[in-house]
C-alpha atoms as a PDB file:
ATOM      1  CA  GLU A   1     -11.174   4.926  13.856  1.00  0.00           C
ATOM      2  CA  GLU A   2      -7.008   6.485  13.668  1.00  0.00           C
ATOM      3  CA  LYS A   3      -6.809   8.090  10.020  1.00  0.00           C
ATOM      4  CA  LYS A   4      -3.532   6.976   7.855  1.00  0.00           C
ATOM      5  CA  GLU A   5      -1.369   9.797   7.066  1.00  0.00           C
ATOM      6  CA  GLU A   6      -0.431  10.477   3.418  1.00  0.00           C
ATOM      7  CA  SER A   7       2.004  12.282   2.107  1.00  0.00           C
ATOM      8  CA  LYS A   8       1.046  15.488   0.440  1.00  0.00           C
ATOM      9  CA  ASP A   9       4.211  16.814  -2.186  1.00  0.00           C
ATOM     10  CA  SER A  10       6.161  13.313  -2.529  1.00  0.00           C
ATOM     11  CA  GLN A  11       4.856  12.896  -5.961  1.00  0.00           C
ATOM     12  CA  LYS A  12       6.346  16.383  -7.061  1.00  0.00           C
ATOM     13  CA  VAL A  13       9.563  14.740  -5.954  1.00  0.00           C
ATOM     14  CA  ILE A  14      11.913  13.723  -8.733  1.00  0.00           C
ATOM     15  CA  ALA A  15      15.537  13.476  -8.092  1.00  0.00           C
ATOM     16  CA  ALA A  16      18.449  12.238 -10.674  1.00  0.00           C
ATOM     17  CA  ASP A  17      21.905  11.055 -10.897  1.00  0.00           C
ATOM     18  CA  LYS A  18      24.846  13.600 -12.152  1.00  0.00           C
ATOM     19  CA  SER A  19      24.240  12.486 -15.711  1.00  0.00           C
ATOM     20  CA  GLY A  20      20.632  13.169 -15.295  1.00  0.00           C
ATOM     21  CA  ASN A  21      19.894   9.945 -16.923  1.00  0.00           C
ATOM     22  CA  LEU A  22      19.566   7.905 -14.304  1.00  0.00           C
ATOM     23  CA  LYS A  23      16.192   9.560 -12.528  1.00  0.00           C
ATOM     24  CA  VAL A  24      12.960   8.654  -9.979  1.00  0.00           C
ATOM     25  CA  THR A  25       9.853   9.811 -12.119  1.00  0.00           C
ATOM     26  CA  GLU A  26       7.191   8.639  -9.792  1.00  0.00           C
ATOM     27  CA  ALA A  27       7.169   8.420  -5.767  1.00  0.00           C
ATOM     28  CA  GLY A  28       4.902   8.125  -2.533  1.00  0.00           C
ATOM     29  CA  TYR A  29       4.045   7.048   0.812  1.00  0.00           C
ATOM     30  CA  GLN A  30       1.927   6.609   3.359  1.00  0.00           C
ATOM     31  CA  VAL A  31       1.679   6.439   7.375  1.00  0.00           C
ATOM     32  CA  THR A  32       0.125   3.166   8.797  1.00  0.00           C
ATOM     33  CA  GLU A  33      -1.093   2.918  12.047  1.00  0.00           C
ATOM     34  CA  SER A  34       1.983   1.004  13.171  1.00  0.00           C
ATOM     35  CA  LYS A  35       3.925   4.548  12.592  1.00  0.00           C
ATOM     36  CA  TYR A  36       6.254   3.080   9.910  1.00  0.00           C
ATOM     37  CA  ALA A  37       5.851   5.041   6.535  1.00  0.00           C
ATOM     38  CA  ASN A  38       5.274   2.357   3.625  1.00  0.00           C
ATOM     39  CA  GLY A  39       6.872   3.767   0.191  1.00  0.00           C
ATOM     40  CA  VAL A  40       7.968   2.843  -3.697  1.00  0.00           C
ATOM     41  CA  ILE A  41       9.752   4.421  -5.633  1.00  0.00           C
ATOM     42  CA  VAL A  42       9.593   4.530 -10.311  1.00  0.00           C
ATOM     43  CA  VAL A  43      12.993   4.671 -11.431  1.00  0.00           C
ATOM     44  CA  GLN A  44      14.080   5.200 -15.358  1.00  0.00           C
ATOM     45  CA  ASN A  45      17.125   4.907 -17.394  1.00  0.00           C
ATOM     46  CA  ASP A  46      16.728   7.934 -20.022  1.00  0.00           C
ATOM     47  CA  ASN A  47      20.381   6.795 -21.295  1.00  0.00           C
ATOM     48  CA  LYS A  48      19.681   4.942 -24.909  1.00  0.00           C
ATOM     49  CA  LYS A  49      22.995   3.285 -24.794  1.00  0.00           C
ATOM     50  CA  ARG A  50      24.282   2.738 -21.322  1.00  0.00           C
ATOM     51  CA  ALA A  51      23.188   0.433 -18.596  1.00  0.00           C
ATOM     52  CA  TYR A  52      23.637   1.159 -14.736  1.00  0.00           C
ATOM     53  CA  GLU A  53      24.887  -1.853 -12.396  1.00  0.00           C
ATOM     54  CA  ASN A  54      24.529  -1.082  -8.491  1.00  0.00           C
ATOM     55  CA  ALA A  55      22.942   2.140  -8.273  1.00  0.00           C
ATOM     56  CA  GLU A  56      21.436   3.123  -4.692  1.00  0.00           C
ATOM     57  CA  ILE A  57      18.356   5.138  -4.019  1.00  0.00           C
ATOM     58  CA  LYS A  58      18.883   6.915  -0.532  1.00  0.00           C
ATOM     59  CA  VAL A  59      15.328   7.726   0.921  1.00  0.00           C
ATOM     60  CA  THR A  60      16.194  10.267   3.875  1.00  0.00           C
ATOM     61  CA  ALA A  61      12.274  11.394   6.035  1.00  0.00           C
ATOM     62  CA  TYR A  62      13.011  14.357   7.904  1.00  0.00           C
ATOM     63  CA  ASP A  63      10.567  15.498  10.953  1.00  0.00           C
ATOM     64  CA  THR A  64       9.153  19.035  11.717  1.00  0.00           C
ATOM     65  CA  ASP A  65      12.348  20.399  12.680  1.00  0.00           C
ATOM     66  CA  ASP A  66      13.433  19.696   9.261  1.00  0.00           C
ATOM     67  CA  LYS A  67      16.603  16.824  11.065  1.00  0.00           C
ATOM     68  CA  VAL A  68      16.870  13.420   9.779  1.00  0.00           C
ATOM     69  CA  LEU A  69      14.056  11.131  10.993  1.00  0.00           C
ATOM     70  CA  SER A  70      15.308   7.837   9.763  1.00  0.00           C
ATOM     71  CA  THR A  71      17.100   6.699   6.590  1.00  0.00           C
ATOM     72  CA  SER A  72      16.385   3.432   3.959  1.00  0.00           C
ATOM     73  CA  SER A  73      17.507   2.558   0.818  1.00  0.00           C
ATOM     74  CA  ALA A  74      16.777   0.940  -2.666  1.00  0.00           C
ATOM     75  CA  TYR A  75      19.535  -0.787  -4.290  1.00  0.00           C
ATOM     76  CA  ILE A  76      19.632  -1.141  -8.346  1.00  0.00           C
ATOM     77  CA  VAL A  77      21.399  -4.316  -9.193  1.00  0.00           C
ATOM     78  CA  SER A  78      21.151  -3.448 -13.330  1.00  0.00           C
ATOM     79  CA  ILE A  79      18.346  -1.401 -15.353  1.00  0.00           C
ATOM     80  CA  GLN A  80      19.044  -1.500 -19.236  1.00  0.00           C
ATOM     81  CA  PRO A  81      18.417   1.359 -21.345  1.00  0.00           C
ATOM     82  CA  GLY A  82      15.002   2.457 -21.241  1.00  0.00           C
ATOM     83  CA  GLU A  83      14.074   0.332 -18.193  1.00  0.00           C
ATOM     84  CA  LYS A  84      11.975   1.656 -15.937  1.00  0.00           C
ATOM     85  CA  GLN A  85      11.488  -0.462 -12.559  1.00  0.00           C
ATOM     86  CA  ALA A  86       9.956   0.046  -9.096  1.00  0.00           C
ATOM     87  CA  TYR A  87      11.206  -0.225  -5.609  1.00  0.00           C
ATOM     88  CA  TYR A  88       9.812  -0.631  -2.768  1.00  0.00           C
ATOM     89  CA  TYR A  89      10.899   0.976   1.151  1.00  0.00           C
ATOM     90  CA  THR A  90       9.669   1.194   5.007  1.00  0.00           C
ATOM     91  CA  ILE A  91      10.442   3.787   7.599  1.00  0.00           C
ATOM     92  CA  ASP A  92      10.309   3.871  11.210  1.00  0.00           C
ATOM     93  CA  THR A  93       8.887   7.010  11.986  1.00  0.00           C
ATOM     94  CA  ASN A  94       8.992   6.437  15.786  1.00  0.00           C
ATOM     95  CA  ASP A  95       6.009   7.805  16.345  1.00  0.00           C
ATOM     96  CA  GLU A  96       6.803  11.666  14.993  1.00  0.00           C
ATOM     97  CA  THR A  97       5.960  13.482  11.932  1.00  0.00           C
ATOM     98  CA  ILE A  98       7.335  14.039   8.345  1.00  0.00           C
ATOM     99  CA  SER A  99       7.350  16.399   7.063  1.00  0.00           C
ATOM    100  CA  ARG A 100       9.031  15.325   3.663  1.00  0.00           C
ATOM    101  CA  ILE A 101      11.042  12.445   1.976  1.00  0.00           C
ATOM    102  CA  GLU A 102      14.117  13.539   0.006  1.00  0.00           C
ATOM    103  CA  TYR A 103      15.332  11.173  -2.372  1.00  0.00           C
ATOM    104  CA  LYS A 104      19.300  11.123  -3.785  1.00  0.00           C
ATOM    105  CA  VAL A 105      20.216   8.453  -6.611  1.00  0.00           C
ATOM    106  CA  LYS A 106      23.560   7.464  -6.184  1.00  0.00           C
ATOM    107  CA  ALA A 107      24.980   5.865  -9.515  1.00  0.00           C
ATOM    108  CA  LYS A 108      28.708   4.859 -10.501  1.00  0.00           C
ATOM    109  CA  GLU A 109      29.802   4.337 -13.992  1.00  0.00           C
ATOM    110  CA  THR A 110      27.975   3.254 -16.712  1.00  0.00           C
ATOM    111  CA  VAL A 111      28.239   0.135 -18.542  1.00  0.00           C
ATOM    112  CA  SER A 112      27.526  -1.611 -21.558  1.00  0.00           C
ATOM    113  CA  PRO A 113      24.059  -3.070 -21.715  1.00  0.00           C
ATOM    114  CA  ASP A 114      23.275  -6.691 -21.421  1.00  0.00           C
ATOM    115  CA  ASN A 115      20.899  -7.822 -24.154  1.00  0.00           C
ATOM    116  CA  LYS A 116      19.963 -11.177 -22.920  1.00  0.00           C
ATOM    117  CA  ARG A 117      19.276  -9.678 -19.649  1.00  0.00           C
ATOM    118  CA  ALA A 118      15.510 -10.061 -18.401  1.00  0.00           C
ATOM    119  CA  LYS A 119      14.377  -6.775 -18.350  1.00  0.00           C
ATOM    120  CA  SER A 120      10.991  -5.411 -16.264  1.00  0.00           C
ATOM    121  CA  SER A 121       9.438  -4.733 -19.633  1.00  0.00           C
ATOM    122  CA  ASP A 122       9.930  -8.787 -20.411  1.00  0.00           C
ATOM    123  CA  PHE A 123       7.481  -9.847 -17.477  1.00  0.00           C
ATOM    124  CA  GLU A 124       3.585 -10.244 -17.900  1.00  0.00           C
ATOM    125  CA  PHE A 125       1.150  -9.834 -15.319  1.00  0.00           C
ATOM    126  CA  ILE A 126      -1.548 -11.749 -16.278  1.00  0.00           C
ATOM    127  CA  GLY A 127      -5.393 -12.387 -14.629  1.00  0.00           C
ATOM    128  CA  THR A 128      -4.643  -9.721 -11.657  1.00  0.00           C
ATOM    129  CA  ASN A 129      -7.311  -9.271  -9.172  1.00  0.00           C
ATOM    130  CA  GLU A 130      -7.156  -7.416  -6.074  1.00  0.00           C
ATOM    131  CA  ARG A 131      -9.340  -8.183  -2.960  1.00  0.00           C
ATOM    132  CA  ILE A 132      -9.480  -5.620  -0.003  1.00  0.00           C
ATOM    133  CA  ASP A 133     -10.593  -6.238   3.353  1.00  0.00           C
ATOM    134  CA  GLU A 134     -12.756  -3.634   4.042  1.00  0.00           C
ATOM    135  CA  GLU A 135     -12.795  -4.024   7.659  1.00  0.00           C
ATOM    136  CA  TYR A 136      -8.866  -3.879   8.332  1.00  0.00           C
ATOM    137  CA  GLY A 137      -8.151  -2.233   4.908  1.00  0.00           C
ATOM    138  CA  ASP A 138      -5.773  -5.017   3.645  1.00  0.00           C
ATOM    139  CA  SER A 139      -5.274  -5.222  -0.037  1.00  0.00           C
ATOM    140  CA  SER A 140      -4.187  -8.489  -1.660  1.00  0.00           C
ATOM    141  CA  ILE A 141      -3.250  -9.065  -5.028  1.00  0.00           C
ATOM    142  CA  THR A 142      -3.186 -12.258  -6.827  1.00  0.00           C
ATOM    143  CA  GLY A 143      -2.116 -13.281 -10.306  1.00  0.00           C
ATOM    144  CA  THR A 144      -0.096 -15.077 -13.068  1.00  0.00           C
ATOM    145  CA  LEU A 145       3.750 -13.333 -13.846  1.00  0.00           C
ATOM    146  CA  LYS A 146       4.934 -15.321 -17.364  1.00  0.00           C
ATOM    147  CA  ASN A 147       9.025 -14.526 -18.146  1.00  0.00           C
ATOM    148  CA  ASN A 148       8.659 -13.462 -21.484  1.00  0.00           C
ATOM    149  CA  SER A 149      12.389 -13.315 -21.922  1.00  0.00           C
ATOM    150  CA  LYS A 150      15.023 -15.766 -22.949  1.00  0.00           C
ATOM    151  CA  GLN A 151      17.048 -15.778 -19.689  1.00  0.00           C
ATOM    152  CA  ASP A 152      16.482 -18.183 -16.919  1.00  0.00           C
ATOM    153  CA  VAL A 153      15.738 -15.766 -13.652  1.00  0.00           C
ATOM    154  CA  GLU A 154      16.699 -16.672 -10.237  1.00  0.00           C
ATOM    155  CA  PHE A 155      14.981 -13.869  -8.272  1.00  0.00           C
ATOM    156  CA  LEU A 156      12.807 -11.494  -8.616  1.00  0.00           C
ATOM    157  CA  GLU A 157      10.626  -8.588  -6.878  1.00  0.00           C
ATOM    158  CA  LEU A 158       7.385  -8.041  -7.173  1.00  0.00           C
ATOM    159  CA  THR A 159       6.022  -4.572  -6.492  1.00  0.00           C
ATOM    160  CA  VAL A 160       2.572  -2.551  -6.322  1.00  0.00           C
ATOM    161  CA  VAL A 161       2.493   0.423  -6.570  1.00  0.00           C
ATOM    162  CA  PHE A 162      -0.820   2.501  -5.047  1.00  0.00           C
ATOM    163  CA  LYS A 163      -2.131   5.208  -6.902  1.00  0.00           C
ATOM    164  CA  LYS A 164      -4.866   7.823  -6.391  1.00  0.00           C
ATOM    165  CA  ASP A 165      -5.666  10.281  -8.550  1.00  0.00           C
ATOM    166  CA  GLY A 166      -2.704   9.932 -10.718  1.00  0.00           C
ATOM    167  CA  ASN A 167      -0.708  10.138  -8.083  1.00  0.00           C
ATOM    168  CA  VAL A 168       1.653   7.331  -5.627  1.00  0.00           C
ATOM    169  CA  VAL A 169       0.050   7.029  -2.453  1.00  0.00           C
ATOM    170  CA  GLY A 170       2.312   3.795  -1.555  1.00  0.00           C
ATOM    171  CA  GLY A 171       2.666   0.045  -2.541  1.00  0.00           C
ATOM    172  CA  TYR A 172       4.393  -2.978  -0.840  1.00  0.00           C
ATOM    173  CA  THR A 173       5.988  -5.705  -2.048  1.00  0.00           C
ATOM    174  CA  THR A 174       6.950  -9.641  -2.680  1.00  0.00           C
ATOM    175  CA  TYR A 175       9.377 -12.044  -4.571  1.00  0.00           C
ATOM    176  CA  ALA A 176       9.640 -14.992  -6.727  1.00  0.00           C
ATOM    177  CA  ASP A 177      12.101 -17.423  -7.173  1.00  0.00           C
ATOM    178  CA  ASP A 178      13.226 -19.704 -10.108  1.00  0.00           C
ATOM    179  CA  LEU A 179      11.650 -18.713 -13.301  1.00  0.00           C
ATOM    180  CA  GLU A 180      12.536 -20.612 -16.407  1.00  0.00           C
ATOM    181  CA  ALA A 181      12.488 -18.569 -19.754  1.00  0.00           C
ATOM    182  CA  GLY A 182       8.800 -19.053 -21.047  1.00  0.00           C
ATOM    183  CA  ASP A 183       7.446 -20.467 -18.105  1.00  0.00           C
ATOM    184  CA  GLU A 184       5.244 -19.093 -15.724  1.00  0.00           C
ATOM    185  CA  THR A 185       4.186 -18.826 -11.706  1.00  0.00           C
ATOM    186  CA  SER A 186       1.319 -17.534  -9.467  1.00  0.00           C
ATOM    187  CA  PHE A 187       1.581 -14.778  -6.837  1.00  0.00           C
ATOM    188  CA  GLU A 188       0.267 -12.905  -4.168  1.00  0.00           C
ATOM    189  CA  ILE A 189       1.109  -9.059  -2.707  1.00  0.00           C
ATOM    190  CA  ASN A 190      -0.123  -8.911   0.212  1.00  0.00           C
ATOM    191  CA  ALA A 191      -0.517  -5.322   1.687  1.00  0.00           C
ATOM    192  CA  TYR A 192      -1.625  -4.552   5.311  1.00  0.00           C
ATOM    193  CA  ASP A 193      -3.067  -1.739   5.835  1.00  0.00           C
ATOM    194  CA  ALA A 194      -2.760  -0.690   2.509  1.00  0.00           C
ATOM    195  CA  PRO A 195      -3.543   3.296   0.951  1.00  0.00           C
ATOM    196  CA  GLU A 196      -6.588   4.265  -0.133  1.00  0.00           C
ATOM    197  CA  HIS A 197      -6.601   4.157  -4.162  1.00  0.00           C
ATOM    198  CA  ASP A 198      -8.667   3.863  -7.225  1.00  0.00           C
ATOM    199  CA  ALA A 199      -5.676   1.769  -9.674  1.00  0.00           C
ATOM    200  CA  TYR A 200      -2.324   0.241  -8.661  1.00  0.00           C
ATOM    201  CA  GLU A 201       0.546  -0.961 -10.886  1.00  0.00           C
ATOM    202  CA  LEU A 202       2.756  -3.856 -11.200  1.00  0.00           C
ATOM    203  CA  TYR A 203       6.575  -3.969 -11.893  1.00  0.00           C
ATOM    204  CA  ALA A 204       9.022  -7.233 -11.365  1.00  0.00           C
ATOM    205  CA  VAL A 205      12.668  -6.359 -11.087  1.00  0.00           C
ATOM    206  CA  ASN A 206      15.493  -8.985 -11.818  1.00  0.00           C
ATOM    207  CA  HIS A 207      17.548  -8.808  -8.870  1.00  0.00           C
ATOM    208  CA  ASP A 208      19.973 -11.822 -10.482  1.00  0.00           C
ATOM    209  CA  TYR A 209      24.063 -10.549 -10.358  1.00  0.00           C
ATOM    210  CA  LYS A 210      24.594 -11.881 -13.850  1.00  0.00           C
END
């Protein structure tokens, strides 16, 4: 049976914008049997007084000759002071070996914080449960998501971050729509060919442009 190729050094990579405040605090990926690199990035805004809008996390994979193999990007609509968010990405390896993955944070000017905006910490995951298909290695995570903010949210990205021995080893994502303030909705994240892990974390990111 073909084994999944896991990153050995991506967890050590930390990237930040020029100010050093918008930063990648954790990152990791796995290469699946279908030869796609599925990864996640955890981003944090350490600026206590300013928010970021329309920022980009550029992901670049390099081959064994240290040449660019493929790229991907994660786009941040808004991240408030102190907020932590997670983003999923996928890269086609074209059947080649990834030697390393580089992360770069591209952020323009900061903006005044929006105190009414629903942040990641305003969303609560309740009664979560993971079911693993032992034959295929697929992971299904289910539960209930509650909007504890005072804002109705039209579009949410839900991301699972898989960890092993405290390090990020991959993840997956799904979406939720039209979650009013105080309401709950059920969710399911299906991670096909999931990496071997001993823990997972869940993030909800508000993608509304308002």
